[in-house]
Amino acid sequence: MDPRYQEIINKLVIETTKKPGQRLTIWGFIGYLVLISGAFLCLAPLLWLADSSFRPRIEIFSMPPVILQKPIWEAFSSYTLQTFGEALALRADLSFFNSVYVTVFSVLLTLLVCSLAAYAFAFLKFPGRNFLFFFSISTMMLPTMTLLAAYFKVIQTVGLYNNILGIIIPYAGSAMGIFLLRQYYIRIPYSLYEAAVVDGANKFYIWWNIVIPLSKPALSALAIYQFRYIWNDFLVPMLILRDERIFTLPIKLQLMDSFNFNKPYGAIIATGFVSALIPIVFFLIFRRQFIEGFTGGVKG
């Protein structure tokens, strides 16, 4: 090989800091380059959304984008909060707080119901335990669309139609949550449960003081998973809610987009940016607990 080419290749070999002596080959470098390019393509829509949410309406759909037309310091100088003002004028803030309210209470209710159900399936012995467990997780194979009619009928029967509680309660019984927590609970030595029973502890005491503290990673993972799902859910709120004052953010975005004339694109983009940013920030803060919880559940 020509020494000139060999020298170029040697310059592309990167020393890694994770393991002393390990080298990243030219193919590894190309692989990282491809992955970084793919990540940028995935993030490009979010970056455009973030940039457009701070621009005047006249610059939102300019082609090429303003950030590519001017030097970077000039492109950012036109940033404004006009789009957020439009969103506030359309009461997107009310929908934001509705989403926070629904998501927080739904996640707490999910953790309570799923942890109790998983505790029963993991530690208590009763007839039909395995059948009920497999029956509950088999519901994960049913598409959400097939359950909407049943959801609507039950919610209407109990008088929660067009009530914010009508979209909190259906989220509580998560088959995915029961499966994840049960798989994590069976990793806890059963002898620990037996020792607590011998010491006179009742079932609720064991669940609250022994099982829950030992399963915080799994509970954190389930909370993050449910937070993302409930925050972004559109079908259930659309089916149950009719009063605009209790709309969640996904429904509010759809309502904004339904305007036939003079659509408030600035308000739509600003609201969409906030709606997308909240779950991302939540995941970045608790990503370690999320990974630990799911790996623990799978190993179980």
Foldseek 3Di string as FASTA:
>chain_A
DPVVVVVVQVVVWDADPPDPPDIQHPVNVVVVVVVVVVVCVVCVVLVLLVLLLFAPPVQSPDPPHLCVVDPNVVSVVRGHNVLVVVLVVLVLVLQAVLLVVLLVLLLVLQLVLLLVLLLCLQQNDDPCSVVVLVVLLVCVPPDPVVCLVVLLVVCVVVPCFQHSVSLSVVSNSDNVSNLLLNLLQNVPDNVVVVVCVVVPDDPVCCSPPPSCVVQQLQSLLSSLVSSVCSLPDDPRCVSRHDDPSNHHLVVSLVVLVPDPPDRSVSNSSNSVSVSVVVSVVVCVVCVVSNVVSNVSSVVD
